[in-house]
Amino acid sequence: MKVVITIDDVPGEGDQVAGMNRTDVARAILKALKDNGVEQAYGMANGWEIDTHPGEIEILKEWLKAGYPLGNHTYHHISLEKVSADAYTADIEKMDRLLQTLEPVSPLAAKRHVFRYPYLEEGSNLQKRDAVRNYLAKNGYAIAEVTVDTNDWAWTDAYNRCSAQDDEKQMTWLTEHAVDNIERHLRAARIIANRLFHRQVPQIVLIHAGVIEAVTLDAVLKDLRSKGVQLITLEEALKDPMYSFNPNLAYQGGETFLDQIASVRELNVDPFRDTMYTVDKINLICK
């Protein structure tokens, strides 16, 4: 299996825990990537946190200096469901201007024209969906689709709740099961891809710049490497013909790229979904 690791919500996602701020989280993630030989991992960046915490611009700089590019995740991490296409693309432009200011920091800032939809929402009507996609194409953006969503944001929220309650037992449970969580999601994505294309495709994994990744990503990557997973670049993955396909699907909420294609081809993927670590179950931990 070939896998791409992408990290949303740089400079940071979720609440901070005692003894670990967003800079610590980013550095732990970058170290895990470096230690496991990950050649490229796009950080999908927002800017709204920097409005209230200007010092967090340094996290974006550290990301680039570490040798990893930053993509555009809109400035305010806005939902396409809640704004017009014009307002949405204006927010993309605002984030691009912020990323452009980082060009003196690293030549990797020039690789910023990669876009990730917040909440994986690509539009609930085709007119809005097409307007955004046309804007992205006109401005030279590649879309960083997602085929594997691990719901790690829910794990970070749970870890933060447990930390606030000094519940070491549950914190340990979360860290010990993070590897199994991503393995289950990867296995499901592999099955769905085989059903859709009768072959393996490069999988693009979404994780977040949150505390759970800071404490588990090294173990996750070591596990994947030990099982023969090839950690490849986003550019390499997007060369696969699958990623040139436009499902042309209007839908409510967020869906992975494989889920979109499955909907278009009327493939029921529910039997392949993980039921061990559902968001509802994780949300009960330390509630």
C-alpha atoms as a PDB file:
ATOM      1  CA  MET A   1       0.000   0.000   0.000  1.00  0.00           C
ATOM      2  CA  LYS A   2       1.173   3.514  -0.862  1.00  0.00           C
ATOM      3  CA  VAL A   3       0.128   6.182   1.617  1.00  0.00           C
ATOM      4  CA  VAL A   4       0.361   9.968   1.803  1.00  0.00           C
ATOM      5  CA  ILE A   5       0.286  11.694   5.186  1.00  0.00           C
ATOM      6  CA  THR A   6      -1.331  15.151   5.236  1.00  0.00           C
ATOM      7  CA  ILE A   7      -1.860  17.274   8.344  1.00  0.00           C
ATOM      8  CA  ASP A   8      -4.783  19.686   8.600  1.00  0.00           C
ATOM      9  CA  ASP A   9      -5.211  22.802  10.729  1.00  0.00           C
ATOM     10  CA  VAL A  10      -1.608  23.945  11.060  1.00  0.00           C
ATOM     11  CA  PRO A  11      -0.673  25.856  13.270  1.00  0.00           C
ATOM     12  CA  GLY A  12      -2.886  23.837  15.590  1.00  0.00           C
ATOM     13  CA  GLU A  13      -6.167  22.015  16.193  1.00  0.00           C
ATOM     14  CA  GLY A  14      -8.105  21.521  19.412  1.00  0.00           C
ATOM     15  CA  ASP A  15      -7.476  22.781  22.912  1.00  0.00           C
ATOM     16  CA  GLN A  16      -4.011  22.688  24.399  1.00  0.00           C
ATOM     17  CA  VAL A  17      -3.133  20.463  27.356  1.00  0.00           C
ATOM     18  CA  ALA A  18      -0.990  21.199  30.363  1.00  0.00           C
ATOM     19  CA  GLY A  19       2.686  21.098  29.467  1.00  0.00           C
ATOM     20  CA  MET A  20       2.139  21.033  25.703  1.00  0.00           C
ATOM     21  CA  ASN A  21       1.377  24.112  23.608  1.00  0.00           C
ATOM     22  CA  ARG A  22       0.841  24.297  19.853  1.00  0.00           C
ATOM     23  CA  THR A  23       4.538  24.795  19.180  1.00  0.00           C
ATOM     24  CA  ASP A  24       5.290  21.609  21.135  1.00  0.00           C
ATOM     25  CA  VAL A  25       2.633  19.742  19.164  1.00  0.00           C
ATOM     26  CA  ALA A  26       3.992  20.909  15.813  1.00  0.00           C
ATOM     27  CA  ARG A  27       7.558  20.031  16.758  1.00  0.00           C
ATOM     28  CA  ALA A  28       6.558  16.554  17.925  1.00  0.00           C
ATOM     29  CA  ILE A  29       4.733  15.931  14.640  1.00  0.00           C
ATOM     30  CA  LEU A  30       7.646  17.220  12.571  1.00  0.00           C
ATOM     31  CA  LYS A  31      10.076  15.048  14.536  1.00  0.00           C
ATOM     32  CA  ALA A  32       7.925  11.960  13.959  1.00  0.00           C
ATOM     33  CA  LEU A  33       7.840  12.698  10.224  1.00  0.00           C
ATOM     34  CA  LYS A  34      11.612  13.204  10.078  1.00  0.00           C
ATOM     35  CA  ASP A  35      12.432  10.163  12.214  1.00  0.00           C
ATOM     36  CA  ASN A  36      10.329   7.946   9.955  1.00  0.00           C
ATOM     37  CA  GLY A  37      11.772   9.194   6.689  1.00  0.00           C
ATOM     38  CA  VAL A  38       8.620  10.922   5.469  1.00  0.00           C
ATOM     39  CA  GLU A  39       9.899  12.891   2.502  1.00  0.00           C
ATOM     40  CA  GLN A  40       6.896  15.180   2.233  1.00  0.00           C
ATOM     41  CA  ALA A  41       3.858  15.887   4.374  1.00  0.00           C
ATOM     42  CA  TYR A  42       1.709  18.847   3.468  1.00  0.00           C
ATOM     43  CA  GLY A  43       0.496  20.910   6.376  1.00  0.00           C
ATOM     44  CA  MET A  44      -2.856  22.414   5.437  1.00  0.00           C
ATOM     45  CA  ALA A  45      -2.735  25.850   6.997  1.00  0.00           C
ATOM     46  CA  ASN A  46      -5.310  28.257   8.392  1.00  0.00           C
ATOM     47  CA  GLY A  47      -4.715  31.841   9.494  1.00  0.00           C
ATOM     48  CA  TRP A  48      -7.476  32.731  11.934  1.00  0.00           C
ATOM     49  CA  GLU A  49      -5.599  31.521  15.020  1.00  0.00           C
ATOM     50  CA  ILE A  50      -2.709  33.771  14.082  1.00  0.00           C
ATOM     51  CA  ASP A  51      -5.063  36.758  14.289  1.00  0.00           C
ATOM     52  CA  THR A  52      -5.406  36.218  18.042  1.00  0.00           C
ATOM     53  CA  HIS A  53      -2.006  34.590  18.638  1.00  0.00           C
ATOM     54  CA  PRO A  54       0.411  36.336  16.244  1.00  0.00           C
ATOM     55  CA  GLY A  55       3.355  34.322  17.547  1.00  0.00           C
ATOM     56  CA  GLU A  56       1.916  31.170  15.991  1.00  0.00           C
ATOM     57  CA  ILE A  57       3.122  32.370  12.586  1.00  0.00           C
ATOM     58  CA  GLU A  58       6.423  30.921  13.798  1.00  0.00           C
ATOM     59  CA  ILE A  59       4.873  27.446  13.626  1.00  0.00           C
ATOM     60  CA  LEU A  60       4.250  27.911   9.901  1.00  0.00           C
ATOM     61  CA  LYS A  61       7.843  29.063   9.518  1.00  0.00           C
ATOM     62  CA  GLU A  62       9.167  26.044  11.425  1.00  0.00           C
ATOM     63  CA  TRP A  63       7.095  23.753   9.208  1.00  0.00           C
ATOM     64  CA  LEU A  64       8.690  25.163   6.082  1.00  0.00           C
ATOM     65  CA  LYS A  65      12.183  25.238   7.570  1.00  0.00           C
ATOM     66  CA  ALA A  66      11.815  21.562   8.470  1.00  0.00           C
ATOM     67  CA  GLY A  67      11.413  20.858   4.762  1.00  0.00           C
ATOM     68  CA  TYR A  68       7.668  20.334   4.531  1.00  0.00           C
ATOM     69  CA  PRO A  69       5.310  22.423   2.347  1.00  0.00           C
ATOM     70  CA  LEU A  70       2.152  24.213   3.425  1.00  0.00           C
ATOM     71  CA  GLY A  71      -1.127  24.085   1.558  1.00  0.00           C
ATOM     72  CA  ASN A  72      -4.232  26.272   1.732  1.00  0.00           C
ATOM     73  CA  HIS A  73      -7.065  25.252   4.075  1.00  0.00           C
ATOM     74  CA  THR A  74      -8.876  28.630   3.854  1.00  0.00           C
ATOM     75  CA  TYR A  75      -8.043  31.464   6.236  1.00  0.00           C
ATOM     76  CA  HIS A  76     -10.938  30.998   8.654  1.00  0.00           C
ATOM     77  CA  HIS A  77     -11.511  27.234   8.239  1.00  0.00           C
ATOM     78  CA  ILE A  78     -14.955  28.054   6.932  1.00  0.00           C
ATOM     79  CA  SER A  79     -17.740  25.738   5.871  1.00  0.00           C
ATOM     80  CA  LEU A  80     -18.768  25.967   2.236  1.00  0.00           C
ATOM     81  CA  GLU A  81     -22.281  25.185   3.472  1.00  0.00           C
ATOM     82  CA  LYS A  82     -22.478  28.493   5.341  1.00  0.00           C
ATOM     83  CA  VAL A  83     -21.077  31.041   2.850  1.00  0.00           C
ATOM     84  CA  SER A  84     -21.341  31.921  -0.824  1.00  0.00           C
ATOM     85  CA  ALA A  85     -18.824  30.651  -3.349  1.00  0.00           C
ATOM     86  CA  ASP A  86     -17.450  34.205  -3.685  1.00  0.00           C
ATOM     87  CA  ALA A  87     -16.930  34.546   0.070  1.00  0.00           C
ATOM     88  CA  TYR A  88     -15.296  31.111   0.158  1.00  0.00           C
ATOM     89  CA  THR A  89     -12.828  31.855  -2.630  1.00  0.00           C
ATOM     90  CA  ALA A  90     -12.059  35.253  -1.060  1.00  0.00           C
ATOM     91  CA  ASP A  91     -11.060  33.382   2.097  1.00  0.00           C
ATOM     92  CA  ILE A  92      -8.798  31.130   0.034  1.00  0.00           C
ATOM     93  CA  GLU A  93      -7.177  34.233  -1.438  1.00  0.00           C
ATOM     94  CA  LYS A  94      -6.653  35.704   2.023  1.00  0.00           C
ATOM     95  CA  MET A  95      -4.847  32.551   3.130  1.00  0.00           C
ATOM     96  CA  ASP A  96      -2.761  32.606  -0.025  1.00  0.00           C
ATOM     97  CA  ARG A  97      -1.597  36.133   0.775  1.00  0.00           C
ATOM     98  CA  LEU A  98      -0.492  34.997   4.224  1.00  0.00           C
ATOM     99  CA  LEU A  99       1.389  32.006   2.803  1.00  0.00           C
ATOM    100  CA  GLN A 100       2.987  34.249   0.191  1.00  0.00           C
ATOM    101  CA  THR A 101       4.581  36.340   2.962  1.00  0.00           C
ATOM    102  CA  LEU A 102       6.543  33.217   3.922  1.00  0.00           C
ATOM    103  CA  GLU A 103       8.432  33.032   0.630  1.00  0.00           C
ATOM    104  CA  PRO A 104      11.549  34.638   2.202  1.00  0.00           C
ATOM    105  CA  VAL A 105      11.524  31.854   4.816  1.00  0.00           C
ATOM    106  CA  SER A 106      11.703  28.938   2.383  1.00  0.00           C
ATOM    107  CA  PRO A 107      11.335  28.235  -1.334  1.00  0.00           C
ATOM    108  CA  LEU A 108       8.752  25.627  -0.300  1.00  0.00           C
ATOM    109  CA  ALA A 109       6.276  28.476   0.164  1.00  0.00           C
ATOM    110  CA  ALA A 110       5.990  28.452  -3.631  1.00  0.00           C
ATOM    111  CA  LYS A 111       4.332  25.014  -3.386  1.00  0.00           C
ATOM    112  CA  ARG A 112       1.348  26.512  -1.543  1.00  0.00           C
ATOM    113  CA  HIS A 113      -1.218  26.066  -4.321  1.00  0.00           C
ATOM    114  CA  VAL A 114      -2.607  22.846  -2.901  1.00  0.00           C
ATOM    115  CA  PHE A 115      -6.091  23.072  -1.423  1.00  0.00           C
ATOM    116  CA  ARG A 116      -7.945  21.049   1.184  1.00  0.00           C
ATOM    117  CA  TYR A 117     -11.662  21.609   1.799  1.00  0.00           C
ATOM    118  CA  PRO A 118     -12.423  22.277   5.493  1.00  0.00           C
ATOM    119  CA  TYR A 119     -14.685  19.588   6.946  1.00  0.00           C
ATOM    120  CA  LEU A 120     -14.311  17.777   3.582  1.00  0.00           C
ATOM    121  CA  GLU A 121     -17.305  19.785   2.377  1.00  0.00           C
ATOM    122  CA  GLU A 122     -17.146  20.282  -1.386  1.00  0.00           C
ATOM    123  CA  GLY A 123     -20.610  21.756  -1.896  1.00  0.00           C
ATOM    124  CA  SER A 124     -24.235  20.799  -1.379  1.00  0.00           C
ATOM    125  CA  ASN A 125     -25.282  22.119  -4.781  1.00  0.00           C
ATOM    126  CA  LEU A 126     -23.503  21.716  -8.073  1.00  0.00           C
ATOM    127  CA  GLN A 127     -23.467  25.413  -8.930  1.00  0.00           C
ATOM    128  CA  LYS A 128     -21.517  26.296  -5.786  1.00  0.00           C
ATOM    129  CA  ARG A 129     -19.317  23.228  -6.101  1.00  0.00           C
ATOM    130  CA  ASP A 130     -18.438  24.065  -9.708  1.00  0.00           C
ATOM    131  CA  ALA A 131     -17.763  27.734  -8.905  1.00  0.00           C
ATOM    132  CA  VAL A 132     -15.145  26.782  -6.304  1.00  0.00           C
ATOM    133  CA  ARG A 133     -13.573  24.081  -8.448  1.00  0.00           C
ATOM    134  CA  ASN A 134     -13.366  26.475 -11.406  1.00  0.00           C
ATOM    135  CA  TYR A 135     -11.660  29.046  -9.177  1.00  0.00           C
ATOM    136  CA  LEU A 136      -9.152  26.453  -7.978  1.00  0.00           C
ATOM    137  CA  ALA A 137      -8.365  25.292 -11.513  1.00  0.00           C
ATOM    138  CA  LYS A 138      -8.025  28.860 -12.810  1.00  0.00           C
ATOM    139  CA  ASN A 139      -5.557  29.702 -10.049  1.00  0.00           C
ATOM    140  CA  GLY A 140      -3.419  26.607 -10.430  1.00  0.00           C
ATOM    141  CA  TYR A 141      -4.524  24.704  -7.324  1.00  0.00           C
ATOM    142  CA  ALA A 142      -4.345  20.960  -6.925  1.00  0.00           C
ATOM    143  CA  ILE A 143      -7.072  19.517  -4.707  1.00  0.00           C
ATOM    144  CA  ALA A 144      -5.677  17.420  -1.875  1.00  0.00           C
ATOM    145  CA  GLU A 145      -8.513  14.922  -1.721  1.00  0.00           C
ATOM    146  CA  VAL A 146      -8.821  12.591   1.258  1.00  0.00           C
ATOM    147  CA  THR A 147      -9.417   8.860   1.058  1.00  0.00           C
ATOM    148  CA  VAL A 148      -8.728   8.020   4.706  1.00  0.00           C
ATOM    149  CA  ASP A 149     -10.227  10.136   7.487  1.00  0.00           C
ATOM    150  CA  THR A 150      -9.186   8.760  10.894  1.00  0.00           C
ATOM    151  CA  ASN A 151     -11.433  11.091  12.934  1.00  0.00           C
ATOM    152  CA  ASP A 152      -8.383  11.890  15.033  1.00  0.00           C
ATOM    153  CA  TRP A 153      -9.897  15.255  15.971  1.00  0.00           C
ATOM    154  CA  ALA A 154     -12.313  13.344  18.211  1.00  0.00           C
ATOM    155  CA  TRP A 155      -9.375  11.505  19.764  1.00  0.00           C
ATOM    156  CA  THR A 156      -7.611  14.806  20.481  1.00  0.00           C
ATOM    157  CA  ASP A 157     -10.767  16.170  22.112  1.00  0.00           C
ATOM    158  CA  ALA A 158     -11.046  13.022  24.240  1.00  0.00           C
ATOM    159  CA  TYR A 159      -7.358  13.156  25.199  1.00  0.00           C
ATOM    160  CA  ASN A 160      -7.734  16.786  26.229  1.00  0.00           C
ATOM    161  CA  ARG A 161     -10.783  15.974  28.373  1.00  0.00           C
ATOM    162  CA  CYS A 162      -8.939  13.122  30.062  1.00  0.00           C
ATOM    163  CA  SER A 163      -5.909  15.313  30.649  1.00  0.00           C
ATOM    164  CA  ALA A 164      -8.072  17.942  32.334  1.00  0.00           C
ATOM    165  CA  GLN A 165      -9.453  15.195  34.605  1.00  0.00           C
ATOM    166  CA  ASP A 166      -5.999  13.645  35.254  1.00  0.00           C
ATOM    167  CA  ASP A 167      -7.388  10.363  33.935  1.00  0.00           C
ATOM    168  CA  GLU A 168      -4.127   8.635  33.053  1.00  0.00           C
ATOM    169  CA  LYS A 169      -5.845   5.292  32.405  1.00  0.00           C
ATOM    170  CA  GLN A 170      -8.010   6.661  29.625  1.00  0.00           C
ATOM    171  CA  MET A 171      -5.155   8.741  28.193  1.00  0.00           C
ATOM    172  CA  THR A 172      -3.101   5.552  27.972  1.00  0.00           C
ATOM    173  CA  TRP A 173      -5.997   3.722  26.303  1.00  0.00           C
ATOM    174  CA  LEU A 174      -6.230   6.410  23.638  1.00  0.00           C
ATOM    175  CA  THR A 175      -2.511   6.371  22.871  1.00  0.00           C
ATOM    176  CA  GLU A 176      -2.364   2.573  22.813  1.00  0.00           C
ATOM    177  CA  HIS A 177      -5.291   2.238  20.383  1.00  0.00           C
ATOM    178  CA  ALA A 178      -4.316   4.985  17.930  1.00  0.00           C
ATOM    179  CA  VAL A 179      -2.337   2.541  15.773  1.00  0.00           C
ATOM    180  CA  ASP A 180      -5.247   0.122  15.536  1.00  0.00           C
ATOM    181  CA  ASN A 181      -7.551   3.013  14.624  1.00  0.00           C
ATOM    182  CA  ILE A 182      -5.550   4.063  11.573  1.00  0.00           C
ATOM    183  CA  GLU A 183      -4.989   0.441  10.521  1.00  0.00           C
ATOM    184  CA  ARG A 184      -8.738  -0.163  10.507  1.00  0.00           C
ATOM    185  CA  HIS A 185      -9.374   2.930   8.398  1.00  0.00           C
ATOM    186  CA  LEU A 186      -6.636   1.986   5.936  1.00  0.00           C
ATOM    187  CA  ARG A 187      -7.978  -1.550   5.571  1.00  0.00           C
ATOM    188  CA  ALA A 188     -11.465  -0.206   4.871  1.00  0.00           C
ATOM    189  CA  ALA A 189     -10.139   2.248   2.271  1.00  0.00           C
ATOM    190  CA  ARG A 190      -8.193  -0.544   0.574  1.00  0.00           C
ATOM    191  CA  ILE A 191     -11.309  -2.712   0.329  1.00  0.00           C
ATOM    192  CA  ILE A 192     -13.427   0.147  -1.030  1.00  0.00           C
ATOM    193  CA  ALA A 193     -10.772   1.082  -3.604  1.00  0.00           C
ATOM    194  CA  ASN A 194     -10.566  -2.520  -4.767  1.00  0.00           C
ATOM    195  CA  ARG A 195     -14.335  -2.692  -5.168  1.00  0.00           C
ATOM    196  CA  LEU A 196     -14.375   0.568  -7.140  1.00  0.00           C
ATOM    197  CA  PHE A 197     -11.260   0.186  -9.309  1.00  0.00           C
ATOM    198  CA  HIS A 198     -10.257  -3.486  -9.004  1.00  0.00           C
ATOM    199  CA  ARG A 199      -6.758  -2.374  -8.037  1.00  0.00           C
ATOM    200  CA  GLN A 200      -4.844  -0.607  -5.322  1.00  0.00           C
ATOM    201  CA  VAL A 201      -4.698   3.200  -5.358  1.00  0.00           C
ATOM    202  CA  PRO A 202      -2.471   5.580  -3.388  1.00  0.00           C
ATOM    203  CA  GLN A 203      -4.308   6.480  -0.194  1.00  0.00           C
ATOM    204  CA  ILE A 204      -4.287  10.066   1.124  1.00  0.00           C
ATOM    205  CA  VAL A 205      -4.605  10.122   4.905  1.00  0.00           C
ATOM    206  CA  LEU A 206      -5.987  13.094   6.807  1.00  0.00           C
ATOM    207  CA  ILE A 207      -4.723  13.744  10.314  1.00  0.00           C
ATOM    208  CA  HIS A 208      -4.692  16.977  12.295  1.00  0.00           C
ATOM    209  CA  ALA A 209      -2.095  19.072  14.084  1.00  0.00           C
ATOM    210  CA  GLY A 210      -3.513  18.057  17.449  1.00  0.00           C
ATOM    211  CA  VAL A 211      -2.245  16.599  20.699  1.00  0.00           C
ATOM    212  CA  ILE A 212      -3.144  12.993  19.902  1.00  0.00           C
ATOM    213  CA  GLU A 213      -0.846  13.074  16.864  1.00  0.00           C
ATOM    214  CA  ALA A 214       1.939  14.639  18.898  1.00  0.00           C
ATOM    215  CA  VAL A 215       1.897  11.650  21.255  1.00  0.00           C
ATOM    216  CA  THR A 216       1.107   8.844  18.779  1.00  0.00           C
ATOM    217  CA  LEU A 217       2.288   9.711  15.256  1.00  0.00           C
ATOM    218  CA  ASP A 218       5.754   8.210  15.709  1.00  0.00           C
ATOM    219  CA  ALA A 219       4.250   4.876  16.768  1.00  0.00           C
ATOM    220  CA  VAL A 220       1.712   5.002  13.927  1.00  0.00           C
ATOM    221  CA  LEU A 221       4.364   5.635  11.276  1.00  0.00           C
ATOM    222  CA  LYS A 222       6.682   2.976  12.675  1.00  0.00           C
ATOM    223  CA  ASP A 223       3.810   0.484  12.556  1.00  0.00           C
ATOM    224  CA  LEU A 224       2.946   1.322   8.950  1.00  0.00           C
ATOM    225  CA  ARG A 225       6.580   1.054   7.860  1.00  0.00           C
ATOM    226  CA  SER A 226       6.965  -2.296   9.632  1.00  0.00           C
ATOM    227  CA  LYS A 227       4.045  -3.614   7.584  1.00  0.00           C
ATOM    228  CA  GLY A 228       5.567  -2.546   4.281  1.00  0.00           C
ATOM    229  CA  VAL A 229       3.516   0.606   3.702  1.00  0.00           C
ATOM    230  CA  GLN A 230       5.295   3.043   1.363  1.00  0.00           C
ATOM    231  CA  LEU A 231       5.033   6.644   2.535  1.00  0.00           C
ATOM    232  CA  ILE A 232       4.943   8.679  -0.684  1.00  0.00           C
ATOM    233  CA  THR A 233       4.484  12.327  -1.668  1.00  0.00           C
ATOM    234  CA  LEU A 234       1.174  13.991  -2.450  1.00  0.00           C
ATOM    235  CA  GLU A 235       2.383  14.838  -5.968  1.00  0.00           C
ATOM    236  CA  GLU A 236       3.134  11.174  -6.609  1.00  0.00           C
ATOM    237  CA  ALA A 237      -0.312  10.114  -5.385  1.00  0.00           C
ATOM    238  CA  LEU A 238      -2.182  12.724  -7.420  1.00  0.00           C
ATOM    239  CA  LYS A 239      -0.658  11.314 -10.607  1.00  0.00           C
ATOM    240  CA  ASP A 240      -2.911   8.296 -10.206  1.00  0.00           C
ATOM    241  CA  PRO A 241      -5.759   8.532 -12.756  1.00  0.00           C
ATOM    242  CA  MET A 242      -8.312   8.161  -9.970  1.00  0.00           C
ATOM    243  CA  TYR A 243      -7.563  11.656  -8.696  1.00  0.00           C
ATOM    244  CA  SER A 244      -8.362  13.261 -12.042  1.00  0.00           C
ATOM    245  CA  PHE A 245     -11.940  12.050 -11.726  1.00  0.00           C
ATOM    246  CA  ASN A 246     -14.590  14.590 -10.739  1.00  0.00           C
ATOM    247  CA  PRO A 247     -17.480  12.817  -8.998  1.00  0.00           C
ATOM    248  CA  ASN A 248     -19.651  15.865  -9.804  1.00  0.00           C
ATOM    249  CA  LEU A 249     -21.613  15.069  -6.670  1.00  0.00           C
ATOM    250  CA  ALA A 250     -23.490  17.550  -4.502  1.00  0.00           C
ATOM    251  CA  TYR A 251     -23.801  16.332  -0.914  1.00  0.00           C
ATOM    252  CA  GLN A 252     -24.430  17.568   2.609  1.00  0.00           C
ATOM    253  CA  GLY A 253     -21.625  17.428   5.156  1.00  0.00           C
ATOM    254  CA  GLY A 254     -18.180  15.950   4.566  1.00  0.00           C
ATOM    255  CA  GLU A 255     -17.240  12.875   2.575  1.00  0.00           C
ATOM    256  CA  THR A 256     -13.961  11.311   1.582  1.00  0.00           C
ATOM    257  CA  PHE A 257     -13.108  11.092  -2.098  1.00  0.00           C
ATOM    258  CA  LEU A 258     -13.712   7.329  -2.098  1.00  0.00           C
ATOM    259  CA  ASP A 259     -17.106   7.838  -0.458  1.00  0.00           C
ATOM    260  CA  GLN A 260     -18.034  10.338  -3.177  1.00  0.00           C
ATOM    261  CA  ILE A 261     -17.080   7.947  -5.948  1.00  0.00           C
ATOM    262  CA  ALA A 262     -18.897   5.108  -4.196  1.00  0.00           C
ATOM    263  CA  SER A 263     -22.045   7.235  -4.025  1.00  0.00           C
ATOM    264  CA  VAL A 264     -21.858   8.011  -7.742  1.00  0.00           C
ATOM    265  CA  ARG A 265     -21.362   4.333  -8.565  1.00  0.00           C
ATOM    266  CA  GLU A 266     -24.006   3.239  -6.059  1.00  0.00           C
ATOM    267  CA  LEU A 267     -21.630   1.108  -4.016  1.00  0.00           C
ATOM    268  CA  ASN A 268     -22.770   0.679  -0.415  1.00  0.00           C
ATOM    269  CA  VAL A 269     -19.665   1.160   1.735  1.00  0.00           C
ATOM    270  CA  ASP A 270     -21.388   0.879   5.120  1.00  0.00           C
ATOM    271  CA  PRO A 271     -20.347  -2.779   5.588  1.00  0.00           C
ATOM    272  CA  PHE A 272     -16.704  -1.715   5.384  1.00  0.00           C
ATOM    273  CA  ARG A 273     -16.826   1.136   7.901  1.00  0.00           C
ATOM    274  CA  ASP A 274     -15.134   0.782  11.266  1.00  0.00           C
ATOM    275  CA  THR A 275     -17.491   0.186  14.163  1.00  0.00           C
ATOM    276  CA  MET A 276     -14.838  -0.229  16.858  1.00  0.00           C
ATOM    277  CA  TYR A 277     -13.764   3.421  17.151  1.00  0.00           C
ATOM    278  CA  THR A 278     -16.736   5.459  16.022  1.00  0.00           C
ATOM    279  CA  VAL A 279     -16.842   9.177  16.792  1.00  0.00           C
ATOM    280  CA  ASP A 280     -19.821   8.575  19.092  1.00  0.00           C
ATOM    281  CA  LYS A 281     -17.820   6.059  21.127  1.00  0.00           C
ATOM    282  CA  ILE A 282     -14.724   8.267  21.337  1.00  0.00           C
ATOM    283  CA  ASN A 283     -16.897  11.218  22.371  1.00  0.00           C
ATOM    284  CA  LEU A 284     -17.982   9.261  25.467  1.00  0.00           C
ATOM    285  CA  ILE A 285     -14.427   8.921  26.780  1.00  0.00           C
ATOM    286  CA  CYS A 286     -13.890  11.202  29.790  1.00  0.00           C
ATOM    287  CA  LYS A 287     -17.176  12.926  29.009  1.00  0.00           C
END
